[in-house]
Amino acid sequence: MIDAAQIDHLAQLARLHLTPEERAAMQADLTRVLGYFEQLSEVNTDGVQEMQRPVNLVNVLRDDVAGDVFPVATVTALAPESMPDGHIRVPRTVETD
């Protein structure tokens, strides 16, 4: 069973602000999901061959071939802020608490 501390930790990681009702619902849902995994772990799979994929897929993408690269001067000229050592400073996209 998932406890309240684990729900709070998951909510913090996911940056969710949950009401007490939402916390209780999430706790019940996750406990039920983990219960299904426990049921699956009890299934006897002796003699069952492992299956990597249910469908044989073929990669239809082109080969990954290295091409020309942009000159450093071009990249740093396009950057919001470039440093003397060649690094590029960009605006923060993830806020921390």
C-alpha atoms as a PDB file:
ATOM      1  CA  MET A   1       0.000   0.000   0.000  1.00  0.00           C
ATOM      2  CA  ILE A   2       1.193   3.498  -0.823  1.00  0.00           C
ATOM      3  CA  ASP A   3       1.391   5.767   2.216  1.00  0.00           C
ATOM      4  CA  ALA A   4       0.750   9.506   2.447  1.00  0.00           C
ATOM      5  CA  ALA A   5       4.470  10.361   2.545  1.00  0.00           C
ATOM      6  CA  GLN A   6       5.028   8.566  -0.770  1.00  0.00           C
ATOM      7  CA  ILE A   7       2.083  10.424  -2.334  1.00  0.00           C
ATOM      8  CA  ASP A   8       3.519  13.736  -1.112  1.00  0.00           C
ATOM      9  CA  HIS A   9       6.928  12.807  -2.537  1.00  0.00           C
ATOM     10  CA  LEU A  10       5.440  11.848  -5.922  1.00  0.00           C
ATOM     11  CA  ALA A  11       3.378  15.040  -6.004  1.00  0.00           C
ATOM     12  CA  GLN A  12       6.492  17.098  -5.303  1.00  0.00           C
ATOM     13  CA  LEU A  13       8.459  15.321  -8.047  1.00  0.00           C
ATOM     14  CA  ALA A  14       5.617  15.883 -10.520  1.00  0.00           C
ATOM     15  CA  ARG A  15       5.137  19.455  -9.303  1.00  0.00           C
ATOM     16  CA  LEU A  16       1.494  18.763  -8.485  1.00  0.00           C
ATOM     17  CA  HIS A  17      -0.495  20.718  -5.928  1.00  0.00           C
ATOM     18  CA  LEU A  18      -3.055  18.210  -4.680  1.00  0.00           C
ATOM     19  CA  THR A  19      -6.055  18.788  -2.484  1.00  0.00           C
ATOM     20  CA  PRO A  20      -6.614  16.294   0.343  1.00  0.00           C
ATOM     21  CA  GLU A  21      -9.334  14.623  -1.751  1.00  0.00           C
ATOM     22  CA  GLU A  22      -6.985  14.315  -4.739  1.00  0.00           C
ATOM     23  CA  ARG A  23      -4.258  12.873  -2.481  1.00  0.00           C
ATOM     24  CA  ALA A  24      -6.666  10.230  -1.180  1.00  0.00           C
ATOM     25  CA  ALA A  25      -7.845   9.375  -4.706  1.00  0.00           C
ATOM     26  CA  MET A  26      -4.267   9.128  -5.985  1.00  0.00           C
ATOM     27  CA  GLN A  27      -3.293   6.925  -3.043  1.00  0.00           C
ATOM     28  CA  ALA A  28      -6.195   4.576  -3.763  1.00  0.00           C
ATOM     29  CA  ASP A  29      -5.477   4.502  -7.508  1.00  0.00           C
ATOM     30  CA  LEU A  30      -1.760   3.806  -7.104  1.00  0.00           C
ATOM     31  CA  THR A  31      -2.404   1.150  -4.470  1.00  0.00           C
ATOM     32  CA  ARG A  32      -4.824  -0.557  -6.895  1.00  0.00           C
ATOM     33  CA  VAL A  33      -2.293  -0.369  -9.768  1.00  0.00           C
ATOM     34  CA  LEU A  34       0.445  -1.877  -7.608  1.00  0.00           C
ATOM     35  CA  GLY A  35      -2.000  -4.595  -6.614  1.00  0.00           C
ATOM     36  CA  TYR A  36      -2.363  -5.528 -10.282  1.00  0.00           C
ATOM     37  CA  PHE A  37       1.415  -5.832 -10.564  1.00  0.00           C
ATOM     38  CA  GLU A  38       1.426  -8.111  -7.529  1.00  0.00           C
ATOM     39  CA  GLN A  39      -1.178 -10.303  -9.251  1.00  0.00           C
ATOM     40  CA  LEU A  40       0.973 -10.434 -12.382  1.00  0.00           C
ATOM     41  CA  SER A  41       4.039 -11.437 -10.386  1.00  0.00           C
ATOM     42  CA  GLU A  42       2.131 -14.464  -9.077  1.00  0.00           C
ATOM     43  CA  VAL A  43       1.469 -15.845 -12.583  1.00  0.00           C
ATOM     44  CA  ASN A  44       3.439 -19.001 -13.354  1.00  0.00           C
ATOM     45  CA  THR A  45       5.535 -18.252 -16.437  1.00  0.00           C
ATOM     46  CA  ASP A  46       7.672 -21.390 -16.378  1.00  0.00           C
ATOM     47  CA  GLY A  47       8.199 -22.646 -19.919  1.00  0.00           C
ATOM     48  CA  VAL A  48       6.941 -19.432 -21.531  1.00  0.00           C
ATOM     49  CA  GLN A  49       9.449 -18.051 -23.989  1.00  0.00           C
ATOM     50  CA  GLU A  50      10.304 -14.401 -23.498  1.00  0.00           C
ATOM     51  CA  MET A  51       8.880 -12.169 -26.198  1.00  0.00           C
ATOM     52  CA  GLN A  52      10.795  -9.024 -27.088  1.00  0.00           C
ATOM     53  CA  ARG A  53       8.107  -7.476 -29.304  1.00  0.00           C
ATOM     54  CA  PRO A  54       4.606  -8.576 -30.192  1.00  0.00           C
ATOM     55  CA  VAL A  55       5.066  -7.275 -33.754  1.00  0.00           C
ATOM     56  CA  ASN A  56       8.122  -7.469 -35.970  1.00  0.00           C
ATOM     57  CA  LEU A  57       8.982  -3.874 -36.706  1.00  0.00           C
ATOM     58  CA  VAL A  58      11.402  -2.624 -39.306  1.00  0.00           C
ATOM     59  CA  ASN A  59      13.217   0.655 -38.908  1.00  0.00           C
ATOM     60  CA  VAL A  60      12.202   2.808 -41.859  1.00  0.00           C
ATOM     61  CA  LEU A  61      14.330   5.786 -40.891  1.00  0.00           C
ATOM     62  CA  ARG A  62      17.349   6.858 -42.874  1.00  0.00           C
ATOM     63  CA  ASP A  63      20.842   6.041 -41.675  1.00  0.00           C
ATOM     64  CA  ASP A  64      22.262   8.459 -39.139  1.00  0.00           C
ATOM     65  CA  VAL A  65      25.113  10.063 -41.042  1.00  0.00           C
ATOM     66  CA  ALA A  66      27.208  12.889 -39.624  1.00  0.00           C
ATOM     67  CA  GLY A  67      27.012  16.039 -41.707  1.00  0.00           C
ATOM     68  CA  ASP A  68      28.399  19.532 -41.686  1.00  0.00           C
ATOM     69  CA  VAL A  69      28.410  21.360 -38.369  1.00  0.00           C
ATOM     70  CA  PHE A  70      27.806  25.028 -37.765  1.00  0.00           C
ATOM     71  CA  PRO A  71      30.885  27.109 -37.054  1.00  0.00           C
ATOM     72  CA  VAL A  72      31.186  28.082 -33.389  1.00  0.00           C
ATOM     73  CA  ALA A  73      31.058  31.781 -34.291  1.00  0.00           C
ATOM     74  CA  THR A  74      27.685  31.305 -36.034  1.00  0.00           C
ATOM     75  CA  VAL A  75      26.193  29.420 -33.095  1.00  0.00           C
ATOM     76  CA  THR A  76      27.405  31.889 -30.474  1.00  0.00           C
ATOM     77  CA  ALA A  77      26.125  34.808 -32.603  1.00  0.00           C
ATOM     78  CA  LEU A  78      22.640  33.263 -32.561  1.00  0.00           C
ATOM     79  CA  ALA A  79      22.724  32.439 -28.827  1.00  0.00           C
ATOM     80  CA  PRO A  80      20.905  34.618 -26.259  1.00  0.00           C
ATOM     81  CA  GLU A  81      24.173  35.014 -24.339  1.00  0.00           C
ATOM     82  CA  SER A  82      27.546  33.473 -25.110  1.00  0.00           C
ATOM     83  CA  MET A  83      30.480  33.098 -22.755  1.00  0.00           C
ATOM     84  CA  PRO A  84      34.124  33.779 -23.628  1.00  0.00           C
ATOM     85  CA  ASP A  85      34.957  30.075 -23.236  1.00  0.00           C
ATOM     86  CA  GLY A  86      32.490  29.095 -25.999  1.00  0.00           C
ATOM     87  CA  HIS A  87      29.630  27.999 -23.725  1.00  0.00           C
ATOM     88  CA  ILE A  88      26.126  29.310 -24.273  1.00  0.00           C
ATOM     89  CA  ARG A  89      23.968  30.639 -21.434  1.00  0.00           C
ATOM     90  CA  VAL A  90      20.226  30.149 -21.889  1.00  0.00           C
ATOM     91  CA  PRO A  91      17.278  31.215 -19.727  1.00  0.00           C
ATOM     92  CA  ARG A  92      16.311  28.875 -16.903  1.00  0.00           C
ATOM     93  CA  THR A  93      13.410  26.654 -17.907  1.00  0.00           C
ATOM     94  CA  VAL A  94      12.952  24.656 -14.696  1.00  0.00           C
ATOM     95  CA  GLU A  95      12.417  26.391 -11.414  1.00  0.00           C
ATOM     96  CA  THR A  96      13.634  24.840  -8.185  1.00  0.00           C
ATOM     97  CA  ASP A  97      12.101  25.198  -4.749  1.00  0.00           C
END
